[in-house]
Amino acid sequence: MKIKVGFRYITPDRFIFEPCTADGSVKGEAGLVIDRVSQEIEVHLLDEKPSLTKPRLVYGIFGIIHLTAGPYLIVITSAICVGTISQHKIYKVTSTEVLPYVHTLLHLNEVQMEDNTLFLNMLNMVLSFKNFYYSTSFDITHSLQRLNNTSPEFRTMPLLERADLRFTWNYHLMKDLIESAQTRGIDNEGNAANFVETEQILEYGDILCSFVQTRGSIPLCWSQKPNLRWQPWPKLKSDYDHLKTFRYHMASQFYTYGYQVIVSLLDQCGREKDIAAAFEKVFSDANLSGFKFVNFDFHKECKNMNWSRLNGLIDSVKDDINRFGYFVSKKNDPGYCKQQEGVFRTNCIDCLDRTNVVQSLLAKYVLESQLKVRYDVRCSGCLTFLLFSQWLQILTDMDSIENHSSFSAAYKNCNASSETRFAFLTAFPFVNLSLLVWADNGNACSVQYAGTGALKDDFTRFDNFSMFLRNLPFRS
């Protein structure tokens, strides 16, 4: 499968990038030149290529970052195609290389040398997570519904200009900034420190379905100072107008996603008690019409691995799931559309393990609904949705995904055998298969935000699954 790549040349004074295809064919005579001394970046004709420098393939430029020694250029040295959305290829970065502008570190003293080494180690640790995705032709920073609701002029804009900067993972590198990911809560403008939008996409012929969920830091001003304890005690900021910033945050959420069901998985006792109570109180004080707050003490309810209690949580919000629905569109038919009217915002203290489990269950319920005949779906301005329901008659109303072992195995466990995957494709040829699963999604979020894999990976891997996930982390 071909991928857009380029040749890279390194000379004593310049980085030179020459566009080419995967088979090595040069595309045009112009190239990107970065001056290592003046730091100027230009695109111009490459009249003469460096004769003493052996070219190397690169798949893209990750960004530029300034450390103690000076600027460093980060390039993508390998990438793989992990799936497609409407025939647009989605790539995963598999390796990178960090290139210094300077030729020597002799200008640094001992302390500066230690600092630069530390920063480089931190940068390489982040790059080693290998959970960065991109597309050269499709905007994965926006959900399908947002893209569908944009104007024709917006869709003709370059991807860089129209991208949602909240979810452009290398945006800060583009701006030569370093920001810490170890932040909590929200700022004075209501921006969450950590925020992730996850979109599950089902593609069947010329039909696209998507279901969007969000997770984010508890929208209060709080901190959790690291120490030697396994889980430091969270602390709310005193003498602070939590209600004001909470309203800012929810107003922004409503503008982007519509109505919300907030699912709090915090402990109602112990170290999380105070922040859980404050969260519920500020929601009550905000008096948000059309919004709903659901408390589910995950650790108490599921004590001793009593996972069946989670079914009660899903049952309690089924009306809201059906009320919000999911996005449906038909390729090449702008008039064929059904909107998702709201989202579930799920969080625990760190929006990782407990959140992963609950989000996977919500996604499973919606996916099963999408695969069944549905005559009760409200449809405004869409005359053909009933026909779509009949076309997508993969499961009957009395059927369940759990009744199809090959389906469950292929998506509960990313390590399923090739025989299992083949059986799945044979039984369900309608699915545009992606190797991303909910367990991998949880691990990716956990690694990016906490540095370790998901602790409840066994639940999502063996009791849940997903179709295609577009997971977009955002840090303010």
Foldseek 3Di string as FASTA:
>chain_A
DKAWKWKWWDDLFKIKTFTDIPVRHGDDQWIWIATLPVRDIDIDGCPDDDPPTDIAMFRAWLFWAAALQGIKTKTQRDWDFQFDDPNFTKIWRQDIDIGHSDPDSVVDDPVSVVRRVVVVVVVVLLRNLRGDMDTQQDALQDDPQVVLPDDPVLVPDHSVVNHDVQFPVSVVRNVNDDDDLQWAAADPQLHFQKKKKKKFWWFFPQKIWIAIAMETGLNFAKHFDDDPDPGGQIGGDPPDDSLNSNVSNVVVQCVRFNEEEEEEQEACDDSRVVVVVVSVVSVVVNPDPRYHYHYHPNCVQCPPNVCVSLVVVCVVCVVVCLVQAIWMDGPPDSQAIDHRRGYYYYAYNQCAQVVLLNVQVSQQVNVFVQQDQDPPRDGPSHPCVNVVSVVSHLDYPPDHPVVDVLSLLVFLALPDDPVSVVVVCVSPVRGRAGSDWSLNVSQSVCCNNPVGGHPNSNCSSRPGGGGDMSMGMGGD
